[in-house]
Every structure is written in structure tokens, then in C-alpha cells.
Amino acid sequence: SLQLIGLPACACDVAGQVFAVNPELSLLVGRDASILELPELFTARAAPAAAAHLRKASDIEQGWASSLVAANGSDIPVQVRAKPLPANAGTPGAVFVFTDLRPFERDQSALRHALLEHKAILDNASVGILFSKAGVMSSCNPRFAGMFGYTPDEMTGRPAVEVFPSPEMYVRFGKEAGPLLRRGLSFDAPEVQFKRRDGSLFWCRVRAKAVDIDNDEEGTIWILEDVTDARQAMIEGQAIMTNASFTILFTKNRVVTRYNRSFGEMFGYADGQALGLPGRALYPSDEVYDQLGKAATPLLSVGRPFQTEVEMVRKDGTVMWVQVIAFVVNPEEPARGTIWIIEDRTEKKRAEETLRNALLENQAILDSAVL
């Protein structure tokens, strides 16, 4: 019975005369299909092929893609399955079953759109993205290929070991990343050295994860960010911090986060001993500390530098007179922290006071002599 099929269906004789339909077919075409002949169900372009399949379907099952015509004249893409009528039907003919392809086409369209979006993201990403399987680079985005001096096509199919400075480094890297990736965990390395096509070396931050944590054969996605310049800047900055003859102090949220050797020598702290120290500990009193904060905060909070002379205190409690120059690490984000350049002016201050006192004494002597 056509009612049990569940899909739009009809039965017709070899001449194309429809003698049975189910409600699903009438609903699909938007009209009473029971009053139509088979060719009238199809679009004009598809009707001849349907007739040809009907003649064959009287003897053997047929299947093909076609299109029906709706009541409003629009095309309805369908997959057609035609089967011979049962022998007890009393007349040769076929049963036609139709599958509406529009939902599938919409799904495919959505999938194509999603794929195009993903491709646009990959092609324009500022980081290198690679897919690999079994130690072979299977595909990558233009940024990744460009980082190594190749085109994406040239990278495809290359063994991953080729982008490492040596096979030994590749094996060592695999021993670090492999166990995490096989357990479905992410791998993150802040600095990994790689080799370009011309043999030059550079540094990248690497993040990776299995494409499918339940199936190792699906491979791994790798994200590489070139940190060569940032690493060089950090090395240079560290060299300045280590060898500078002037005192440098970093604070964040009023806590000491970093300082150079000169600071340790000036304030009497060993390496790392002052890390985490509240800024208040560097001043002789709450009053001095609060006054400095009131003067500095309005400028630093808007990314402007601050300069003053103030009393500060060493670890042993002795007070010194210093000149302070302060500026934020990032003017666009003042909360990222503050850099303090500190110069001990205690001896100069004493010399200035001695000179000032001498001048006052001389002035007093001169004034007395005149009188």
C-alpha cells in the first residue's frame, strides 16, 4: 500500500496513467496528484526521461535524479525510485517513490558556506596553521607556508622533520608533544626553533591538538606564531636589565614584579628576594608613600611619565634621597604595570645642603659686617 511508504509515491500503468497516489505526493507538489498523468508530475524537461524509465521500470527497478513541477510552477528537485508493480496487480506498470532533495541541498549549501568561511579564516589568519598525519604535513594555510619560505602546495606531503633544525630536535619535540596529544590534551610550547627553506632558523610559539581525540589517524592541527622578534627584544631587554648601571624596578598592582641587579645593590636585596614585596616597603612612612601615589597616579593612569625626588628606604632601614622617573609599560593599558628608574641622590643632596648652609652662613657674616 502506498500509505505505508511514508514518502511521496504513486502507481501508474505502462502508459503513464496514474491510478493511485498517497497524500504525501499531493502535499509535495501542492495539488491533487490523483487527477494527473505521470508526465504532468514532472517538469517539461524531465518528463521524457521519466517516461523512458517507466518503460524499463515495468521489468526492473530504476533510480535517477529528476525534478517535479509544483502548483506554482517552481521546480522540486527529487530522487526517483521506480519499482515494477507486483505480479498480482493485474496490470504492468511501476510504483514511483520520490525523495525531496531540497532539504539536502539546503544542508549542502550551508555546509559549502561554512567551508568557505573556514577557508577564508585559514587563508587570512595571522598565525600559521598546519594539519599533519603520521609525521607528514597534509595541508596548511598561506601564512604557515610563508613562514618557512614555501607555497602551500610545496608544503603538502613533506615530512615534518624537514622544518626542524635537526632530526634529533624533531625526535625530542615528538617525545614532548606526542604523549599529550594521544591523551586528547593540548600541547603548548612558548618557544620552539624551526628551520626555513633557506636554512635560516627562527622561533615560534607552538600550540597543537588532535583533530579527533578518539581517532589518532585523523591527525593533528598545529598553530605556529613567529616570536623571533619578540624573543630578541626580550633578550636585549634582559641584557639591559642585567648590565644597566642605573636602577630599574617593575611594579604591578603596587607590588614588585621585577628588578635589575643595580636595584638589589642599592636597596640591599639579593636576587629575587624583593619579588612580591609591596611597594610601601620601599618608603620610610605611609605619609611619604601616599603623597607619592597622589602625585604619580593622575599622570601614570593616562600614560604620561612622572618624575620627582623622594625619600626611599633600604632593606636595613636606612633612608636615602632618590630621583624617580616612572612610566607605564603600555600607555594604552596602564594597568599592565609601571617601570621605575631610580637614581640615588643622597650624597648630592648632602653636598647641596652643605653648600646651601655655607652660603647662608656667609650671607649672615656679610649681613653682620655691614651692620
Protein backbone atom coordinates (compact mmCIF):
# COMPACT_ATOMS: atom_id res chain seq x y z
CA SER A 1 0.00 0.00 0.00
CA LEU A 2 1.28 3.49 -0.88
CA GLN A 3 0.04 4.75 2.50
CA LEU A 4 2.72 2.71 4.26
CA ILE A 5 5.64 4.02 2.25
CA GLY A 6 5.96 7.30 4.16
CA LEU A 7 7.44 9.13 1.18
CA PRO A 8 5.57 10.78 -1.72
CA ALA A 9 4.55 7.96 -4.09
CA CYS A 10 2.23 7.00 -6.89
CA ALA A 11 1.42 3.95 -9.02
CA CYS A 12 0.81 4.03 -12.77
CA ASP A 13 0.50 1.69 -15.74
CA VAL A 14 2.96 1.49 -18.63
CA ALA A 15 1.08 4.25 -20.44
CA GLY A 16 1.73 6.63 -17.56
CA GLN A 17 -1.82 6.66 -16.28
CA VAL A 18 -1.74 7.27 -12.52
CA PHE A 19 -4.25 5.18 -10.64
CA ALA A 20 -3.06 5.53 -7.05
CA VAL A 21 -1.30 8.25 -5.05
CA ASN A 22 -0.68 8.89 -1.38
CA PRO A 23 -1.31 12.22 0.42
CA GLU A 24 2.43 12.91 0.71
CA LEU A 25 2.73 13.28 -3.07
CA SER A 26 -0.13 15.77 -3.30
CA LEU A 27 1.40 17.72 -0.42
CA LEU A 28 4.79 17.75 -2.17
CA VAL A 29 3.51 19.16 -5.48
CA GLY A 30 0.85 21.35 -3.89
CA ARG A 31 -2.10 19.96 -5.88
CA ASP A 32 -4.23 16.83 -6.23
CA ALA A 33 -1.86 14.36 -7.85
CA SER A 34 -4.58 11.74 -8.30
CA ILE A 35 -6.01 13.58 -11.29
CA LEU A 36 -2.67 13.86 -13.09
CA GLU A 37 -0.88 11.62 -15.53
CA LEU A 38 2.71 10.72 -14.80
CA PRO A 39 4.33 13.15 -17.29
CA GLU A 40 2.33 16.00 -15.71
CA LEU A 41 4.11 15.41 -12.39
CA PHE A 42 7.49 16.16 -13.93
CA THR A 43 8.85 19.33 -15.42
CA ALA A 44 8.76 19.51 -19.21
CA ARG A 45 12.49 18.85 -19.40
CA ALA A 46 12.34 15.84 -17.07
CA ALA A 47 9.13 14.22 -18.44
CA PRO A 48 10.73 12.33 -21.40
CA ALA A 49 13.32 10.70 -19.15
CA ALA A 50 10.58 9.72 -16.69
CA ALA A 51 8.62 8.03 -19.49
CA ALA A 52 11.71 6.10 -20.59
CA HIS A 53 12.38 4.95 -17.05
CA LEU A 54 8.73 3.94 -16.69
CA ARG A 55 9.01 1.51 -19.61
CA LYS A 56 12.08 -0.11 -18.06
CA ALA A 57 10.67 0.03 -14.52
CA SER A 58 7.89 -2.35 -15.52
CA ASP A 59 10.56 -5.06 -15.54
CA ILE A 60 13.46 -3.82 -13.37
CA GLU A 61 13.93 -1.27 -10.62
CA GLN A 62 15.13 2.17 -11.77
CA GLY A 63 16.65 5.17 -9.92
CA TRP A 64 17.59 8.66 -11.10
CA ALA A 65 17.63 12.32 -10.17
CA SER A 66 14.86 14.45 -11.63
CA SER A 67 12.54 17.35 -10.90
CA LEU A 68 8.79 17.63 -10.33
CA VAL A 69 6.72 20.70 -11.05
CA ALA A 70 4.88 22.38 -8.18
CA ALA A 71 1.47 24.01 -8.44
CA ASN A 72 3.14 27.44 -8.60
CA GLY A 73 5.36 26.32 -11.49
CA SER A 74 8.56 26.03 -9.48
CA ASP A 75 10.88 23.02 -9.79
CA ILE A 76 11.14 20.46 -6.99
CA PRO A 77 14.43 18.52 -7.18
CA VAL A 78 13.84 14.87 -6.30
CA GLN A 79 15.49 11.50 -6.26
CA VAL A 80 13.18 8.99 -8.02
CA ARG A 81 12.97 5.28 -7.31
CA ALA A 82 10.69 3.24 -9.64
CA LYS A 83 9.85 -0.40 -8.96
CA PRO A 84 7.75 -2.84 -11.00
CA LEU A 85 4.19 -3.33 -9.82
CA PRO A 86 3.61 -6.63 -8.00
CA ALA A 87 2.65 -9.56 -10.23
CA ASN A 88 -0.79 -9.67 -8.60
CA ALA A 89 -1.51 -6.06 -9.56
CA GLY A 90 -3.22 -7.29 -12.71
CA THR A 91 -1.54 -4.76 -14.99
CA PRO A 92 2.08 -3.96 -15.87
CA GLY A 93 3.41 -0.68 -14.55
CA ALA A 94 5.51 0.75 -11.75
CA VAL A 95 5.43 2.40 -8.33
CA PHE A 96 7.23 5.73 -8.21
CA VAL A 97 8.70 6.90 -4.88
CA PHE A 98 10.05 10.46 -4.61
CA THR A 99 12.60 11.89 -2.14
CA ASP A 100 12.54 15.68 -1.86
CA LEU A 101 16.14 16.85 -2.28
CA ARG A 102 15.58 20.46 -1.21
CA PRO A 103 16.47 19.86 2.48
CA PHE A 104 19.67 18.10 1.39
CA GLU A 105 20.51 20.95 -0.98
CA ARG A 106 19.97 23.46 1.83
CA ASP A 107 22.22 21.42 4.11
CA GLN A 108 24.84 21.18 1.38
CA SER A 109 24.58 24.92 0.74
CA ALA A 110 25.04 25.63 4.44
CA LEU A 111 27.98 23.24 4.51
CA ARG A 112 29.57 24.87 1.47
CA HIS A 113 29.07 28.29 3.06
CA ALA A 114 30.65 27.10 6.32
CA LEU A 115 33.57 25.59 4.41
CA LEU A 116 34.11 28.86 2.51
CA GLU A 117 34.06 30.79 5.79
CA HIS A 118 36.57 28.42 7.35
CA LYS A 119 38.80 28.67 4.28
CA ALA A 120 38.66 32.47 4.44
CA ILE A 121 39.65 32.35 8.10
CA LEU A 122 42.55 29.98 7.40
CA ASP A 123 43.76 31.94 4.36
CA ASN A 124 43.77 35.25 6.22
CA ALA A 125 44.90 34.11 9.66
CA SER A 126 47.91 35.96 11.07
CA VAL A 127 49.28 32.70 12.51
CA GLY A 128 50.50 29.62 10.71
CA ILE A 129 48.09 26.68 10.71
CA LEU A 130 49.10 23.15 9.73
CA PHE A 131 47.33 19.80 9.55
CA SER A 132 49.59 16.76 9.79
CA LYS A 133 49.13 13.00 9.75
CA ALA A 134 51.69 10.36 10.68
CA GLY A 135 54.56 12.85 10.59
CA VAL A 136 53.64 14.27 7.19
CA MET A 137 52.34 17.78 6.51
CA SER A 138 48.99 17.24 4.78
CA SER A 139 47.78 20.85 4.38
CA CYS A 140 48.50 24.35 5.67
CA ASN A 141 47.41 27.94 5.27
CA PRO A 142 49.41 30.56 3.30
CA ARG A 143 50.82 32.13 6.49
CA PHE A 144 52.32 28.84 7.64
CA ALA A 145 53.93 28.14 4.26
CA GLY A 146 55.24 31.70 4.02
CA MET A 147 56.89 31.46 7.43
CA PHE A 148 59.03 28.62 6.08
CA GLY A 149 59.60 30.06 2.60
CA TYR A 150 57.29 27.70 0.69
CA THR A 151 53.94 27.86 -1.04
CA PRO A 152 51.09 25.81 0.49
CA ASP A 153 51.31 23.31 -2.39
CA GLU A 154 55.05 22.88 -1.83
CA MET A 155 54.49 22.15 1.86
CA THR A 156 51.89 19.46 1.19
CA GLY A 157 53.30 15.95 1.53
CA ARG A 158 56.61 16.99 3.07
CA PRO A 159 57.87 15.12 6.14
CA ALA A 160 57.56 17.29 9.22
CA VAL A 161 61.18 16.57 10.17
CA GLU A 162 62.29 18.88 7.32
CA VAL A 163 61.19 22.03 9.18
CA PHE A 164 63.28 21.25 12.28
CA PRO A 165 66.96 22.21 12.67
CA SER A 166 67.92 18.54 13.06
CA PRO A 167 66.34 15.08 13.23
CA GLU A 168 67.35 14.91 16.89
CA MET A 169 65.35 18.04 17.70
CA TYR A 170 62.37 16.61 15.81
CA VAL A 171 62.51 13.41 17.88
CA ARG A 172 62.85 15.40 21.12
CA PHE A 173 59.88 17.56 20.14
CA GLY A 174 57.80 14.47 19.37
CA LYS A 175 58.58 12.99 22.79
CA GLU A 176 57.25 16.17 24.43
CA ALA A 177 54.13 16.64 22.32
CA GLY A 178 53.14 13.06 21.49
CA PRO A 179 52.01 11.81 24.93
CA LEU A 180 49.78 14.84 25.49
CA LEU A 181 48.18 14.71 22.05
CA ARG A 182 47.48 10.97 22.31
CA ARG A 183 45.61 11.61 25.57
CA GLY A 184 43.46 14.25 23.90
CA LEU A 185 45.22 17.12 25.67
CA SER A 186 46.53 20.34 24.19
CA PHE A 187 50.24 20.90 23.68
CA ASP A 188 51.68 24.37 24.19
CA ALA A 189 55.34 25.35 23.90
CA PRO A 190 56.32 29.04 24.24
CA GLU A 191 59.50 28.69 22.16
CA VAL A 192 60.42 26.09 19.56
CA GLN A 193 63.14 26.57 16.97
CA PHE A 194 62.38 25.78 13.32
CA LYS A 195 64.28 25.85 10.02
CA ARG A 196 63.25 27.78 6.93
CA ARG A 197 63.72 26.60 3.36
CA ASP A 198 66.94 28.61 3.05
CA GLY A 199 68.35 27.03 6.21
CA SER A 200 67.88 30.05 8.49
CA LEU A 201 66.41 29.43 11.92
CA PHE A 202 63.56 31.15 13.70
CA TRP A 203 61.47 30.74 16.85
CA CYS A 204 57.75 30.05 17.19
CA ARG A 205 55.22 29.56 19.90
CA VAL A 206 53.50 26.24 19.17
CA ARG A 207 50.00 25.09 20.11
CA ALA A 208 48.59 21.76 18.98
CA LYS A 209 45.68 19.40 19.47
CA ALA A 210 44.42 16.20 17.89
CA VAL A 211 41.76 16.76 15.22
CA ASP A 212 39.74 13.90 16.72
CA ILE A 213 40.75 12.80 20.22
CA ASP A 214 39.08 9.44 19.65
CA ASN A 215 40.91 8.69 16.42
CA ASP A 216 44.66 9.25 16.13
CA GLU A 217 44.53 8.65 12.39
CA GLU A 218 42.69 11.93 11.83
CA GLY A 219 45.94 13.77 12.55
CA THR A 220 46.87 16.94 14.41
CA ILE A 221 46.28 20.65 13.98
CA TRP A 222 49.26 22.89 14.73
CA ILE A 223 49.20 26.65 15.26
CA LEU A 224 52.52 28.50 14.98
CA GLU A 225 53.17 32.11 15.94
CA ASP A 226 56.52 33.64 14.98
CA VAL A 227 58.08 35.04 18.17
CA THR A 228 61.58 35.62 16.81
CA ASP A 229 61.42 39.41 17.07
CA ALA A 230 59.70 39.30 20.46
CA ARG A 231 62.28 36.83 21.74
CA GLN A 232 65.16 39.01 20.50
CA ALA A 233 63.60 42.06 22.14
CA MET A 234 63.24 40.11 25.38
CA ILE A 235 66.89 39.01 25.24
CA GLU A 236 68.00 42.58 24.58
CA GLY A 237 65.76 43.86 27.35
CA GLN A 238 67.16 41.27 29.73
CA ALA A 239 70.69 42.31 28.80
CA ILE A 240 69.82 45.93 29.55
CA MET A 241 68.23 44.93 32.84
CA THR A 242 71.27 42.87 33.83
CA ASN A 243 74.01 45.25 32.80
CA ALA A 244 72.47 48.69 33.26
CA SER A 245 74.32 50.89 35.75
CA PHE A 246 71.07 52.59 36.77
CA THR A 247 68.33 51.06 38.88
CA ILE A 248 65.24 49.61 37.16
CA LEU A 249 62.17 48.41 39.03
CA PHE A 250 58.89 46.95 37.70
CA THR A 251 55.70 47.07 39.75
CA LYS A 252 52.14 45.94 39.10
CA ASN A 253 49.20 46.50 41.41
CA ARG A 254 51.66 48.15 43.82
CA VAL A 255 53.77 45.00 44.12
CA VAL A 256 57.38 44.47 42.98
CA THR A 257 57.38 42.11 39.98
CA ARG A 258 60.89 42.51 38.58
CA TYR A 259 64.11 44.42 39.15
CA ASN A 260 67.71 44.52 37.97
CA ARG A 261 70.97 43.91 39.79
CA SER A 262 71.51 47.63 40.42
CA PHE A 263 68.25 47.77 42.39
CA GLY A 264 69.33 44.85 44.55
CA GLU A 265 72.64 46.51 45.27
CA MET A 266 71.08 49.90 46.02
CA PHE A 267 68.32 48.60 48.27
CA GLY A 268 70.18 45.64 49.78
CA TYR A 269 68.11 42.78 48.36
CA ALA A 270 69.58 39.54 46.99
CA ASP A 271 68.41 38.08 43.66
CA GLY A 272 64.66 37.51 43.76
CA GLN A 273 64.39 38.48 47.43
CA ALA A 274 62.28 41.57 46.75
CA LEU A 275 59.85 39.90 44.33
CA GLY A 276 56.29 40.20 45.62
CA LEU A 277 57.30 42.93 48.05
CA PRO A 278 54.61 45.60 48.46
CA GLY A 279 55.68 48.99 47.15
CA ARG A 280 55.03 50.51 50.58
CA ALA A 281 58.06 48.61 51.95
CA LEU A 282 60.37 50.83 49.88
CA TYR A 283 59.30 54.07 51.59
CA PRO A 284 60.03 55.35 55.11
CA SER A 285 56.40 56.10 56.05
CA ASP A 286 52.79 55.82 54.97
CA GLU A 287 52.72 59.57 54.52
CA VAL A 288 55.60 59.61 52.02
CA TYR A 289 54.14 56.61 50.15
CA ASP A 290 50.65 58.11 49.95
CA GLN A 291 51.92 61.50 48.81
CA LEU A 292 53.92 59.89 46.01
CA GLY A 293 50.86 57.91 44.91
CA LYS A 294 48.65 61.02 44.86
CA ALA A 295 51.19 62.86 42.69
CA ALA A 296 52.01 59.98 40.33
CA THR A 297 48.63 58.30 39.73
CA PRO A 298 46.94 61.11 37.74
CA LEU A 299 49.80 61.10 35.22
CA LEU A 300 50.50 57.37 35.03
CA SER A 301 46.81 56.50 34.69
CA VAL A 302 46.68 58.38 31.38
CA GLY A 303 50.02 57.04 30.12
CA ARG A 304 52.12 60.09 30.95
CA PRO A 305 55.55 59.87 32.68
CA PHE A 306 56.10 61.05 36.24
CA GLN A 307 59.28 62.46 37.81
CA THR A 308 60.12 63.58 41.33
CA GLU A 309 62.61 63.38 44.20
CA VAL A 310 61.57 61.42 47.27
CA GLU A 311 62.88 59.53 50.27
CA MET A 312 63.11 55.75 49.97
CA VAL A 313 64.31 53.14 52.42
CA ARG A 314 66.76 50.26 52.09
CA LYS A 315 66.19 46.78 53.44
CA ASP A 316 68.23 47.63 56.55
CA GLY A 317 66.01 50.63 57.26
CA THR A 318 68.42 53.38 56.23
CA VAL A 319 66.83 56.23 54.31
CA MET A 320 68.17 57.62 51.07
CA TRP A 321 67.16 60.51 48.88
CA VAL A 322 66.45 59.47 45.28
CA GLN A 323 65.27 60.82 41.98
CA VAL A 324 62.45 58.78 40.47
CA ILE A 325 61.26 58.64 36.86
CA ALA A 326 58.21 56.47 36.28
CA PHE A 327 56.24 55.46 33.19
CA VAL A 328 53.71 52.75 32.42
CA VAL A 329 54.69 49.62 30.48
CA ASN A 330 51.86 50.13 27.98
CA PRO A 331 50.28 53.61 27.69
CA GLU A 332 47.14 52.05 26.19
CA GLU A 333 46.82 49.72 29.18
CA PRO A 334 48.22 51.49 32.26
CA ALA A 335 47.13 48.61 34.49
CA ARG A 336 49.80 46.39 32.86
CA GLY A 337 52.35 47.84 35.28
CA THR A 338 54.90 50.60 35.85
CA ILE A 339 58.64 50.96 35.27
CA TRP A 340 60.63 53.00 37.81
CA ILE A 341 64.10 54.42 37.07
CA ILE A 342 65.73 55.29 40.39
CA GLU A 343 68.91 57.31 40.99
CA ASP A 344 70.47 57.62 44.45
CA ARG A 345 70.99 61.33 45.07
CA THR A 346 71.77 61.09 48.80
CA GLU A 347 75.37 62.30 48.52
CA LYS A 348 74.42 65.03 46.04
CA LYS A 349 71.62 66.10 48.37
CA ARG A 350 74.03 66.30 51.27
CA ALA A 351 76.51 68.25 49.17
CA GLU A 352 73.77 70.65 48.08
CA GLU A 353 72.63 71.11 51.68
CA THR A 354 76.24 71.70 52.82
CA LEU A 355 76.73 74.27 50.08
CA ARG A 356 73.42 75.93 50.91
CA ASN A 357 74.29 76.09 54.60
CA ALA A 358 77.70 77.56 53.78
CA LEU A 359 76.07 80.21 51.60
CA LEU A 360 73.63 81.05 54.37
CA GLU A 361 76.47 81.35 56.88
CA ASN A 362 78.45 83.58 54.52
CA GLN A 363 75.39 85.68 53.91
CA ALA A 364 74.85 86.04 57.65
CA ILE A 365 78.50 87.06 58.10
CA LEU A 366 78.22 89.64 55.34
CA ASP A 367 75.00 90.99 56.75
CA SER A 368 76.60 91.32 60.19
CA ALA A 369 79.66 93.03 58.77
CA VAL A 370 77.53 95.63 57.03
CA LEU A 371 75.73 96.38 60.23
